[in-house]
Amino acid sequence: MRDNFSLAELEAEVRNAIDGEQDNSLDNLRNEALAKVLLERMTVNKLPESLIEETVKERFQEMLMDFKEQGSTEEQLQEMATPEKYSKYKEISLVNAEKIVKLGLAFRDIAEKEGIEVTEEECREQYTMICMQSKQKGEAPPEERQALTQIENNLLRKKVFDFIADQAAITWNVVAAEQLVA
């Protein structure tokens, strides 16, 4: 564990651990492009419905937590957390949830075949930082099992993206801002 972190330094490290993304926008762009290519090239006969449902539920909960952090009241959150609103959310987010599940399966498969691993020590270090940040903010730490699973998934995703990028021939194209909007 690292002592003498300022809150800003700790938040930056925790954000990297949680998001599984580096602050470098080129890495983010690279990862998005690699994910797109992976999705285009992979074939999955049938996605497990349970994984899709779990992903939709997790994303719905994350959305509600985001609203809570942005100042929504308990009453407002209860209005949003109805079965009808969840069904509408699921309908809208189903395609994205399927992509997330497909990528997760691809990452696990690549990691297994290439011997890419995330150690318990790496996960524990990130979880410790999250707990330190929570303590500094006067908040309760996240539930350990769920947080460790999320940390492991994010670290694995980052390692697989880095592995693919090391193996791939990536060509960067300069695109005008107007083309990005269109």
N, C-alpha and C. Protein backbone atom coordinates (compact mmCIF):
# COMPACT_ATOMS: atom_id res chain seq x y z
N MET A 1 0.84 -1.17 0.00
CA MET A 1 0.00 0.00 0.00
C MET A 1 0.88 1.23 0.00
N ARG A 2 0.46 2.24 -0.74
CA ARG A 2 1.24 3.46 -0.85
C ARG A 2 0.66 4.52 0.07
N ASP A 3 1.51 5.07 0.93
CA ASP A 3 1.07 6.11 1.85
C ASP A 3 1.35 7.48 1.25
N ASN A 4 0.83 8.51 1.91
CA ASN A 4 1.09 9.90 1.57
C ASN A 4 0.58 10.29 0.18
N PHE A 5 -0.49 9.67 -0.26
CA PHE A 5 -1.14 10.08 -1.51
C PHE A 5 -2.02 11.29 -1.20
N SER A 6 -2.02 12.26 -2.07
CA SER A 6 -3.02 13.32 -1.95
C SER A 6 -4.32 12.76 -2.49
N LEU A 7 -5.42 13.41 -2.15
CA LEU A 7 -6.71 12.94 -2.63
C LEU A 7 -6.76 12.96 -4.15
N ALA A 8 -6.20 13.98 -4.76
CA ALA A 8 -6.22 14.07 -6.23
C ALA A 8 -5.42 12.94 -6.86
N GLU A 9 -4.25 12.62 -6.30
CA GLU A 9 -3.44 11.52 -6.83
C GLU A 9 -4.16 10.19 -6.66
N LEU A 10 -4.76 10.01 -5.52
CA LEU A 10 -5.49 8.78 -5.25
C LEU A 10 -6.69 8.64 -6.19
N GLU A 11 -7.43 9.73 -6.37
CA GLU A 11 -8.58 9.68 -7.27
C GLU A 11 -8.15 9.35 -8.69
N ALA A 12 -7.03 9.90 -9.14
CA ALA A 12 -6.55 9.62 -10.49
C ALA A 12 -6.21 8.14 -10.64
N GLU A 13 -5.55 7.57 -9.67
CA GLU A 13 -5.20 6.15 -9.74
C GLU A 13 -6.43 5.26 -9.67
N VAL A 14 -7.36 5.62 -8.80
CA VAL A 14 -8.58 4.83 -8.67
C VAL A 14 -9.40 4.91 -9.95
N ARG A 15 -9.48 6.09 -10.54
CA ARG A 15 -10.23 6.25 -11.79
C ARG A 15 -9.65 5.33 -12.85
N ASN A 16 -8.32 5.26 -12.95
CA ASN A 16 -7.69 4.36 -13.91
C ASN A 16 -8.05 2.91 -13.60
N ALA A 17 -8.06 2.54 -12.34
CA ALA A 17 -8.37 1.16 -11.97
C ALA A 17 -9.82 0.82 -12.29
N ILE A 18 -10.72 1.71 -11.95
CA ILE A 18 -12.14 1.45 -12.17
C ILE A 18 -12.46 1.45 -13.66
N ASP A 19 -12.02 2.44 -14.35
CA ASP A 19 -12.34 2.56 -15.76
C ASP A 19 -11.58 1.57 -16.61
N GLY A 20 -10.44 1.12 -16.12
CA GLY A 20 -9.65 0.19 -16.92
C GLY A 20 -9.08 0.86 -18.15
N GLU A 21 -9.10 2.15 -18.19
CA GLU A 21 -8.60 2.89 -19.34
C GLU A 21 -7.50 3.84 -18.89
N GLN A 22 -6.56 4.04 -19.73
CA GLN A 22 -5.51 5.00 -19.45
C GLN A 22 -6.00 6.39 -19.81
N ASP A 23 -5.43 7.41 -19.17
CA ASP A 23 -5.85 8.77 -19.44
C ASP A 23 -5.50 9.19 -20.87
N ASN A 24 -4.55 8.55 -21.46
CA ASN A 24 -4.10 8.93 -22.79
C ASN A 24 -5.21 8.69 -23.81
N SER A 25 -5.65 9.76 -24.47
CA SER A 25 -6.76 9.63 -25.41
C SER A 25 -6.41 8.76 -26.61
N LEU A 26 -5.14 8.68 -26.97
CA LEU A 26 -4.75 7.80 -28.07
C LEU A 26 -4.99 6.34 -27.69
N ASP A 27 -4.71 5.98 -26.45
CA ASP A 27 -5.00 4.62 -25.99
C ASP A 27 -6.50 4.34 -26.02
N ASN A 28 -7.29 5.34 -25.63
CA ASN A 28 -8.75 5.17 -25.67
C ASN A 28 -9.23 4.97 -27.09
N LEU A 29 -8.72 5.79 -28.00
CA LEU A 29 -9.10 5.64 -29.41
C LEU A 29 -8.64 4.29 -29.95
N ARG A 30 -7.43 3.91 -29.60
CA ARG A 30 -6.90 2.61 -30.04
C ARG A 30 -7.79 1.49 -29.54
N ASN A 31 -8.16 1.53 -28.27
CA ASN A 31 -8.99 0.47 -27.68
C ASN A 31 -10.37 0.42 -28.32
N GLU A 32 -10.95 1.58 -28.60
CA GLU A 32 -12.25 1.60 -29.27
C GLU A 32 -12.16 0.97 -30.66
N ALA A 33 -11.10 1.30 -31.38
CA ALA A 33 -10.93 0.73 -32.72
C ALA A 33 -10.69 -0.77 -32.64
N LEU A 34 -9.88 -1.21 -31.69
CA LEU A 34 -9.63 -2.65 -31.53
C LEU A 34 -10.91 -3.38 -31.15
N ALA A 35 -11.70 -2.79 -30.28
CA ALA A 35 -12.98 -3.41 -29.88
C ALA A 35 -13.90 -3.53 -31.08
N LYS A 36 -13.94 -2.50 -31.89
CA LYS A 36 -14.80 -2.53 -33.09
C LYS A 36 -14.37 -3.66 -34.02
N VAL A 37 -13.06 -3.80 -34.23
CA VAL A 37 -12.56 -4.86 -35.11
C VAL A 37 -12.84 -6.23 -34.51
N LEU A 38 -12.63 -6.36 -33.21
CA LEU A 38 -12.93 -7.65 -32.54
C LEU A 38 -14.40 -8.02 -32.75
N LEU A 39 -15.29 -7.07 -32.53
CA LEU A 39 -16.72 -7.35 -32.68
C LEU A 39 -17.07 -7.72 -34.12
N GLU A 40 -16.43 -7.07 -35.08
CA GLU A 40 -16.71 -7.36 -36.49
C GLU A 40 -16.22 -8.75 -36.88
N ARG A 41 -15.13 -9.18 -36.28
CA ARG A 41 -14.51 -10.43 -36.71
C ARG A 41 -14.93 -11.66 -35.91
N MET A 42 -15.54 -11.46 -34.77
CA MET A 42 -15.88 -12.63 -33.97
C MET A 42 -17.28 -13.13 -34.29
N THR A 43 -17.44 -14.42 -34.10
CA THR A 43 -18.72 -15.05 -34.32
C THR A 43 -19.14 -15.75 -33.03
N VAL A 44 -20.33 -15.43 -32.58
CA VAL A 44 -20.89 -16.09 -31.41
C VAL A 44 -22.26 -16.61 -31.83
N ASN A 45 -22.44 -17.92 -31.73
CA ASN A 45 -23.71 -18.51 -32.16
C ASN A 45 -24.88 -18.02 -31.32
N LYS A 46 -24.73 -18.06 -30.01
CA LYS A 46 -25.80 -17.62 -29.13
C LYS A 46 -25.17 -17.10 -27.84
N LEU A 47 -25.50 -15.87 -27.52
CA LEU A 47 -25.02 -15.27 -26.28
C LEU A 47 -25.87 -15.77 -25.11
N PRO A 48 -25.24 -16.08 -24.00
CA PRO A 48 -26.02 -16.50 -22.82
C PRO A 48 -26.92 -15.35 -22.34
N GLU A 49 -28.22 -15.60 -22.31
CA GLU A 49 -29.18 -14.59 -21.86
C GLU A 49 -28.88 -14.11 -20.45
N SER A 50 -28.40 -15.02 -19.60
CA SER A 50 -28.10 -14.63 -18.22
C SER A 50 -27.00 -13.57 -18.16
N LEU A 51 -26.00 -13.67 -19.02
CA LEU A 51 -24.93 -12.67 -19.05
C LEU A 51 -25.44 -11.33 -19.55
N ILE A 52 -26.30 -11.37 -20.55
CA ILE A 52 -26.87 -10.13 -21.07
C ILE A 52 -27.72 -9.46 -20.01
N GLU A 53 -28.57 -10.24 -19.36
CA GLU A 53 -29.44 -9.71 -18.30
C GLU A 53 -28.60 -9.13 -17.16
N GLU A 54 -27.57 -9.83 -16.75
CA GLU A 54 -26.69 -9.35 -15.68
C GLU A 54 -26.02 -8.03 -16.08
N THR A 55 -25.58 -7.94 -17.32
CA THR A 55 -24.94 -6.72 -17.82
C THR A 55 -25.92 -5.56 -17.82
N VAL A 56 -27.13 -5.79 -18.29
CA VAL A 56 -28.14 -4.73 -18.31
C VAL A 56 -28.44 -4.27 -16.89
N LYS A 57 -28.60 -5.20 -15.96
CA LYS A 57 -28.87 -4.85 -14.56
C LYS A 57 -27.74 -4.03 -13.96
N GLU A 58 -26.49 -4.45 -14.21
CA GLU A 58 -25.34 -3.72 -13.69
C GLU A 58 -25.31 -2.30 -14.24
N ARG A 59 -25.54 -2.16 -15.53
CA ARG A 59 -25.51 -0.83 -16.15
C ARG A 59 -26.66 0.04 -15.64
N PHE A 60 -27.81 -0.56 -15.40
CA PHE A 60 -28.95 0.18 -14.86
C PHE A 60 -28.62 0.69 -13.46
N GLN A 61 -28.03 -0.19 -12.64
CA GLN A 61 -27.62 0.20 -11.29
C GLN A 61 -26.57 1.31 -11.33
N GLU A 62 -25.61 1.19 -12.25
CA GLU A 62 -24.59 2.23 -12.39
C GLU A 62 -25.23 3.57 -12.76
N MET A 63 -26.21 3.52 -13.65
CA MET A 63 -26.91 4.75 -14.04
C MET A 63 -27.60 5.38 -12.83
N LEU A 64 -28.28 4.56 -12.04
CA LEU A 64 -28.95 5.07 -10.85
C LEU A 64 -27.95 5.66 -9.86
N MET A 65 -26.80 4.98 -9.70
CA MET A 65 -25.76 5.50 -8.80
C MET A 65 -25.22 6.84 -9.31
N ASP A 66 -25.05 6.95 -10.62
CA ASP A 66 -24.60 8.21 -11.20
C ASP A 66 -25.61 9.33 -10.89
N PHE A 67 -26.89 9.02 -11.04
CA PHE A 67 -27.91 10.02 -10.73
C PHE A 67 -27.85 10.41 -9.25
N LYS A 68 -27.63 9.42 -8.39
CA LYS A 68 -27.54 9.70 -6.96
C LYS A 68 -26.35 10.60 -6.67
N GLU A 69 -25.21 10.31 -7.29
CA GLU A 69 -24.01 11.13 -7.08
C GLU A 69 -24.20 12.54 -7.63
N GLN A 70 -25.07 12.68 -8.62
CA GLN A 70 -25.33 14.00 -9.20
C GLN A 70 -26.39 14.78 -8.42
N GLY A 71 -26.88 14.18 -7.33
CA GLY A 71 -27.79 14.90 -6.45
C GLY A 71 -29.25 14.52 -6.53
N SER A 72 -29.59 13.46 -7.24
CA SER A 72 -30.99 13.03 -7.28
C SER A 72 -31.43 12.57 -5.90
N THR A 73 -32.67 12.88 -5.57
CA THR A 73 -33.21 12.48 -4.26
C THR A 73 -33.62 11.02 -4.29
N GLU A 74 -33.84 10.46 -3.11
CA GLU A 74 -34.29 9.07 -3.01
C GLU A 74 -35.63 8.90 -3.72
N GLU A 75 -36.48 9.90 -3.60
CA GLU A 75 -37.78 9.85 -4.27
C GLU A 75 -37.62 9.80 -5.79
N GLN A 76 -36.74 10.63 -6.31
CA GLN A 76 -36.48 10.62 -7.75
C GLN A 76 -35.91 9.27 -8.20
N LEU A 77 -35.00 8.72 -7.40
CA LEU A 77 -34.41 7.43 -7.73
C LEU A 77 -35.46 6.33 -7.72
N GLN A 78 -36.37 6.38 -6.76
CA GLN A 78 -37.43 5.37 -6.70
C GLN A 78 -38.36 5.47 -7.91
N GLU A 79 -38.57 6.69 -8.39
CA GLU A 79 -39.39 6.88 -9.59
C GLU A 79 -38.71 6.27 -10.82
N MET A 80 -37.38 6.33 -10.84
CA MET A 80 -36.62 5.79 -11.97
C MET A 80 -36.46 4.28 -11.89
N ALA A 81 -36.51 3.72 -10.69
CA ALA A 81 -36.21 2.30 -10.49
C ALA A 81 -37.47 1.43 -10.50
N THR A 82 -38.36 1.71 -11.42
CA THR A 82 -39.57 0.90 -11.53
C THR A 82 -39.34 -0.21 -12.57
N PRO A 83 -40.12 -1.29 -12.48
CA PRO A 83 -40.00 -2.35 -13.50
C PRO A 83 -40.23 -1.83 -14.92
N GLU A 84 -41.16 -0.89 -15.07
CA GLU A 84 -41.44 -0.32 -16.40
C GLU A 84 -40.23 0.44 -16.94
N LYS A 85 -39.61 1.25 -16.08
CA LYS A 85 -38.44 2.04 -16.51
C LYS A 85 -37.26 1.10 -16.81
N TYR A 86 -37.13 0.06 -16.00
CA TYR A 86 -36.07 -0.91 -16.26
C TYR A 86 -36.28 -1.59 -17.61
N SER A 87 -37.51 -1.98 -17.89
CA SER A 87 -37.82 -2.63 -19.18
C SER A 87 -37.49 -1.70 -20.35
N LYS A 88 -37.83 -0.44 -20.22
CA LYS A 88 -37.51 0.53 -21.27
C LYS A 88 -36.00 0.68 -21.41
N TYR A 89 -35.30 0.77 -20.27
CA TYR A 89 -33.84 0.87 -20.30
C TYR A 89 -33.24 -0.36 -20.98
N LYS A 90 -33.75 -1.53 -20.64
CA LYS A 90 -33.24 -2.77 -21.23
C LYS A 90 -33.44 -2.77 -22.74
N GLU A 91 -34.60 -2.34 -23.16
CA GLU A 91 -34.91 -2.29 -24.60
C GLU A 91 -33.91 -1.38 -25.33
N ILE A 92 -33.63 -0.23 -24.73
CA ILE A 92 -32.73 0.74 -25.35
C ILE A 92 -31.27 0.27 -25.31
N SER A 93 -30.88 -0.39 -24.23
CA SER A 93 -29.47 -0.72 -24.04
C SER A 93 -29.10 -2.15 -24.44
N LEU A 94 -30.04 -2.90 -24.97
CA LEU A 94 -29.80 -4.31 -25.28
C LEU A 94 -28.64 -4.52 -26.27
N VAL A 95 -28.60 -3.73 -27.32
CA VAL A 95 -27.54 -3.89 -28.33
C VAL A 95 -26.18 -3.63 -27.70
N ASN A 96 -26.09 -2.59 -26.88
CA ASN A 96 -24.83 -2.27 -26.22
C ASN A 96 -24.44 -3.36 -25.23
N ALA A 97 -25.41 -3.90 -24.50
CA ALA A 97 -25.13 -4.98 -23.55
C ALA A 97 -24.60 -6.22 -24.27
N GLU A 98 -25.17 -6.51 -25.43
CA GLU A 98 -24.69 -7.66 -26.21
C GLU A 98 -23.24 -7.46 -26.64
N LYS A 99 -22.89 -6.23 -27.03
CA LYS A 99 -21.50 -5.93 -27.40
C LYS A 99 -20.57 -6.11 -26.21
N ILE A 100 -21.01 -5.66 -25.05
CA ILE A 100 -20.19 -5.79 -23.83
C ILE A 100 -19.95 -7.27 -23.52
N VAL A 101 -21.00 -8.07 -23.61
CA VAL A 101 -20.88 -9.50 -23.34
C VAL A 101 -19.95 -10.16 -24.36
N LYS A 102 -20.13 -9.83 -25.64
CA LYS A 102 -19.27 -10.41 -26.68
C LYS A 102 -17.81 -10.06 -26.43
N LEU A 103 -17.55 -8.79 -26.13
CA LEU A 103 -16.16 -8.39 -25.86
C LEU A 103 -15.62 -9.09 -24.62
N GLY A 104 -16.44 -9.23 -23.61
CA GLY A 104 -15.99 -9.94 -22.41
C GLY A 104 -15.60 -11.38 -22.72
N LEU A 105 -16.41 -12.05 -23.53
CA LEU A 105 -16.09 -13.42 -23.93
C LEU A 105 -14.79 -13.45 -24.75
N ALA A 106 -14.63 -12.48 -25.65
CA ALA A 106 -13.42 -12.42 -26.47
C ALA A 106 -12.20 -12.18 -25.60
N PHE A 107 -12.30 -11.25 -24.65
CA PHE A 107 -11.16 -10.96 -23.77
C PHE A 107 -10.76 -12.20 -22.97
N ARG A 108 -11.75 -12.89 -22.43
CA ARG A 108 -11.46 -14.10 -21.64
C ARG A 108 -10.80 -15.16 -22.52
N ASP A 109 -11.30 -15.33 -23.73
CA ASP A 109 -10.74 -16.33 -24.64
C ASP A 109 -9.30 -15.98 -25.02
N ILE A 110 -9.07 -14.73 -25.38
CA ILE A 110 -7.71 -14.30 -25.74
C ILE A 110 -6.77 -14.45 -24.55
N ALA A 111 -7.22 -14.02 -23.40
CA ALA A 111 -6.39 -14.11 -22.19
C ALA A 111 -6.01 -15.56 -21.90
N GLU A 112 -6.98 -16.45 -22.02
CA GLU A 112 -6.72 -17.87 -21.76
C GLU A 112 -5.72 -18.44 -22.76
N LYS A 113 -5.94 -18.15 -24.03
CA LYS A 113 -5.07 -18.70 -25.07
C LYS A 113 -3.67 -18.12 -25.04
N GLU A 114 -3.54 -16.88 -24.58
CA GLU A 114 -2.24 -16.21 -24.58
C GLU A 114 -1.58 -16.17 -23.21
N GLY A 115 -2.22 -16.76 -22.23
CA GLY A 115 -1.63 -16.81 -20.89
C GLY A 115 -1.59 -15.45 -20.20
N ILE A 116 -2.54 -14.59 -20.52
CA ILE A 116 -2.62 -13.27 -19.90
C ILE A 116 -3.42 -13.41 -18.61
N GLU A 117 -2.83 -12.96 -17.51
CA GLU A 117 -3.48 -13.12 -16.22
C GLU A 117 -3.47 -11.83 -15.42
N VAL A 118 -4.43 -11.71 -14.55
CA VAL A 118 -4.47 -10.64 -13.57
C VAL A 118 -4.27 -11.30 -12.22
N THR A 119 -3.30 -10.83 -11.48
CA THR A 119 -3.01 -11.46 -10.19
C THR A 119 -3.92 -10.92 -9.10
N GLU A 120 -4.07 -11.71 -8.07
CA GLU A 120 -4.85 -11.28 -6.92
C GLU A 120 -4.20 -10.05 -6.30
N GLU A 121 -2.87 -10.01 -6.31
CA GLU A 121 -2.15 -8.87 -5.75
C GLU A 121 -2.49 -7.57 -6.49
N GLU A 122 -2.57 -7.64 -7.82
CA GLU A 122 -2.93 -6.45 -8.61
C GLU A 122 -4.33 -5.97 -8.24
N CYS A 123 -5.25 -6.91 -8.11
CA CYS A 123 -6.63 -6.56 -7.76
C CYS A 123 -6.70 -5.98 -6.34
N ARG A 124 -6.01 -6.61 -5.41
CA ARG A 124 -6.02 -6.14 -4.02
C ARG A 124 -5.44 -4.73 -3.91
N GLU A 125 -4.37 -4.46 -4.66
CA GLU A 125 -3.76 -3.13 -4.63
C GLU A 125 -4.76 -2.07 -5.10
N GLN A 126 -5.46 -2.35 -6.18
CA GLN A 126 -6.45 -1.42 -6.69
C GLN A 126 -7.61 -1.26 -5.70
N TYR A 127 -8.04 -2.37 -5.11
CA TYR A 127 -9.14 -2.31 -4.14
C TYR A 127 -8.73 -1.49 -2.92
N THR A 128 -7.50 -1.65 -2.48
CA THR A 128 -7.00 -0.87 -1.34
C THR A 128 -7.04 0.62 -1.65
N MET A 129 -6.67 0.98 -2.87
CA MET A 129 -6.72 2.40 -3.26
C MET A 129 -8.16 2.91 -3.27
N ILE A 130 -9.08 2.09 -3.74
CA ILE A 130 -10.49 2.49 -3.75
C ILE A 130 -10.97 2.70 -2.31
N CYS A 131 -10.60 1.81 -1.42
CA CYS A 131 -10.99 1.93 -0.01
C CYS A 131 -10.40 3.19 0.62
N MET A 132 -9.13 3.48 0.28
CA MET A 132 -8.49 4.69 0.80
C MET A 132 -9.23 5.93 0.31
N GLN A 133 -9.61 5.93 -0.94
CA GLN A 133 -10.33 7.06 -1.50
C GLN A 133 -11.69 7.22 -0.81
N SER A 134 -12.38 6.12 -0.61
CA SER A 134 -13.68 6.17 0.06
C SER A 134 -13.52 6.74 1.47
N LYS A 135 -12.49 6.30 2.16
CA LYS A 135 -12.24 6.77 3.52
C LYS A 135 -11.97 8.27 3.53
N GLN A 136 -11.14 8.75 2.58
CA GLN A 136 -10.83 10.17 2.52
C GLN A 136 -12.07 11.00 2.21
N LYS A 137 -13.01 10.43 1.48
CA LYS A 137 -14.24 11.15 1.15
C LYS A 137 -15.32 10.97 2.22
N GLY A 138 -15.03 10.13 3.22
CA GLY A 138 -16.01 9.88 4.27
C GLY A 138 -17.13 8.97 3.81
N GLU A 139 -16.85 8.13 2.81
CA GLU A 139 -17.86 7.21 2.28
C GLU A 139 -17.53 5.79 2.69
N ALA A 140 -18.52 4.93 2.62
CA ALA A 140 -18.30 3.51 2.88
C ALA A 140 -17.57 2.90 1.69
N PRO A 141 -16.67 1.96 1.95
CA PRO A 141 -15.98 1.30 0.83
C PRO A 141 -16.96 0.45 0.04
N PRO A 142 -16.64 0.20 -1.24
CA PRO A 142 -17.53 -0.65 -2.04
C PRO A 142 -17.52 -2.09 -1.54
N GLU A 143 -18.56 -2.81 -1.87
CA GLU A 143 -18.63 -4.22 -1.50
C GLU A 143 -17.44 -4.94 -2.13
N GLU A 144 -16.67 -5.65 -1.32
CA GLU A 144 -15.38 -6.19 -1.73
C GLU A 144 -15.46 -7.16 -2.91
N ARG A 145 -16.31 -8.14 -2.83
CA ARG A 145 -16.37 -9.16 -3.89
C ARG A 145 -16.71 -8.55 -5.24
N GLN A 146 -17.73 -7.70 -5.24
CA GLN A 146 -18.16 -7.07 -6.49
C GLN A 146 -17.07 -6.15 -7.03
N ALA A 147 -16.45 -5.38 -6.15
CA ALA A 147 -15.38 -4.46 -6.59
C ALA A 147 -14.19 -5.23 -7.14
N LEU A 148 -13.80 -6.32 -6.49
CA LEU A 148 -12.67 -7.11 -6.97
C LEU A 148 -12.96 -7.73 -8.33
N THR A 149 -14.19 -8.17 -8.54
CA THR A 149 -14.58 -8.72 -9.84
C THR A 149 -14.47 -7.65 -10.93
N GLN A 150 -14.98 -6.46 -10.63
CA GLN A 150 -14.93 -5.37 -11.60
C GLN A 150 -13.48 -4.95 -11.87
N ILE A 151 -12.68 -4.88 -10.85
CA ILE A 151 -11.27 -4.52 -11.02
C ILE A 151 -10.57 -5.56 -11.88
N GLU A 152 -10.80 -6.84 -11.58
CA GLU A 152 -10.17 -7.91 -12.36
C GLU A 152 -10.56 -7.81 -13.83
N ASN A 153 -11.85 -7.60 -14.10
CA ASN A 153 -12.32 -7.48 -15.48
C ASN A 153 -11.67 -6.30 -16.20
N ASN A 154 -11.59 -5.17 -15.52
CA ASN A 154 -11.00 -3.98 -16.13
C ASN A 154 -9.50 -4.15 -16.38
N LEU A 155 -8.78 -4.73 -15.42
CA LEU A 155 -7.35 -4.96 -15.62
C LEU A 155 -7.10 -5.97 -16.74
N LEU A 156 -7.93 -7.00 -16.80
CA LEU A 156 -7.80 -7.99 -17.87
C LEU A 156 -8.06 -7.35 -19.22
N ARG A 157 -9.11 -6.54 -19.29
CA ARG A 157 -9.42 -5.84 -20.54
C ARG A 157 -8.23 -4.99 -20.99
N LYS A 158 -7.65 -4.25 -20.07
CA LYS A 158 -6.50 -3.40 -20.41
C LYS A 158 -5.33 -4.24 -20.90
N LYS A 159 -5.04 -5.33 -20.21
CA LYS A 159 -3.92 -6.19 -20.61
C LYS A 159 -4.16 -6.82 -21.98
N VAL A 160 -5.39 -7.23 -22.25
CA VAL A 160 -5.69 -7.82 -23.56
C VAL A 160 -5.58 -6.77 -24.65
N PHE A 161 -6.13 -5.57 -24.41
CA PHE A 161 -5.97 -4.50 -25.39
C PHE A 161 -4.49 -4.22 -25.66
N ASP A 162 -3.70 -4.15 -24.61
CA ASP A 162 -2.26 -3.90 -24.78
C ASP A 162 -1.60 -5.04 -25.57
N PHE A 163 -1.98 -6.28 -25.27
CA PHE A 163 -1.44 -7.43 -26.00
C PHE A 163 -1.79 -7.34 -27.48
N ILE A 164 -3.05 -7.09 -27.78
CA ILE A 164 -3.49 -7.00 -29.17
C ILE A 164 -2.74 -5.88 -29.88
N ALA A 165 -2.63 -4.74 -29.22
CA ALA A 165 -1.95 -3.59 -29.83
C ALA A 165 -0.48 -3.91 -30.10
N ASP A 166 0.15 -4.67 -29.21
CA ASP A 166 1.55 -5.06 -29.42
C ASP A 166 1.70 -6.00 -30.61
N GLN A 167 0.67 -6.81 -30.86
CA GLN A 167 0.71 -7.80 -31.94
C GLN A 167 0.24 -7.24 -33.28
N ALA A 168 -0.56 -6.19 -33.23
CA ALA A 168 -1.22 -5.68 -34.43
C ALA A 168 -0.38 -4.63 -35.15
N ALA A 169 -0.66 -4.48 -36.41
CA ALA A 169 -0.11 -3.38 -37.19
C ALA A 169 -1.20 -2.31 -37.23
N ILE A 170 -1.03 -1.27 -36.45
CA ILE A 170 -2.04 -0.22 -36.34
C ILE A 170 -1.62 0.97 -37.18
N THR A 171 -2.54 1.42 -38.00
CA THR A 171 -2.31 2.60 -38.83
C THR A 171 -3.22 3.71 -38.34
N TRP A 172 -2.63 4.83 -37.96
CA TRP A 172 -3.39 5.97 -37.48
C TRP A 172 -3.75 6.86 -38.65
N ASN A 173 -5.01 7.25 -38.74
CA ASN A 173 -5.48 8.16 -39.78
C ASN A 173 -5.90 9.46 -39.13
N VAL A 174 -5.49 10.56 -39.73
CA VAL A 174 -5.90 11.87 -39.24
C VAL A 174 -7.26 12.18 -39.86
N VAL A 175 -8.21 12.54 -38.98
CA VAL A 175 -9.57 12.82 -39.42
C VAL A 175 -9.91 14.23 -38.98
N ALA A 176 -10.50 15.00 -39.87
CA ALA A 176 -10.94 16.36 -39.55
C ALA A 176 -12.10 16.30 -38.57
N ALA A 177 -12.20 17.31 -37.71
CA ALA A 177 -13.25 17.34 -36.70
C ALA A 177 -14.63 17.27 -37.33
N GLU A 178 -14.81 17.87 -38.49
CA GLU A 178 -16.11 17.84 -39.16
C GLU A 178 -16.53 16.41 -39.51
N GLN A 179 -15.56 15.55 -39.83
CA GLN A 179 -15.87 14.18 -40.17
C GLN A 179 -16.32 13.38 -38.95
N LEU A 180 -15.82 13.75 -37.78
CA LEU A 180 -16.20 13.05 -36.55
C LEU A 180 -17.65 13.33 -36.19
N VAL A 181 -18.13 14.52 -36.47
CA VAL A 181 -19.49 14.90 -36.13
C VAL A 181 -20.50 14.25 -37.08
N ALA A 182 -20.11 14.08 -38.32
CA ALA A 182 -21.04 13.57 -39.33
C ALA A 182 -21.40 12.14 -39.14
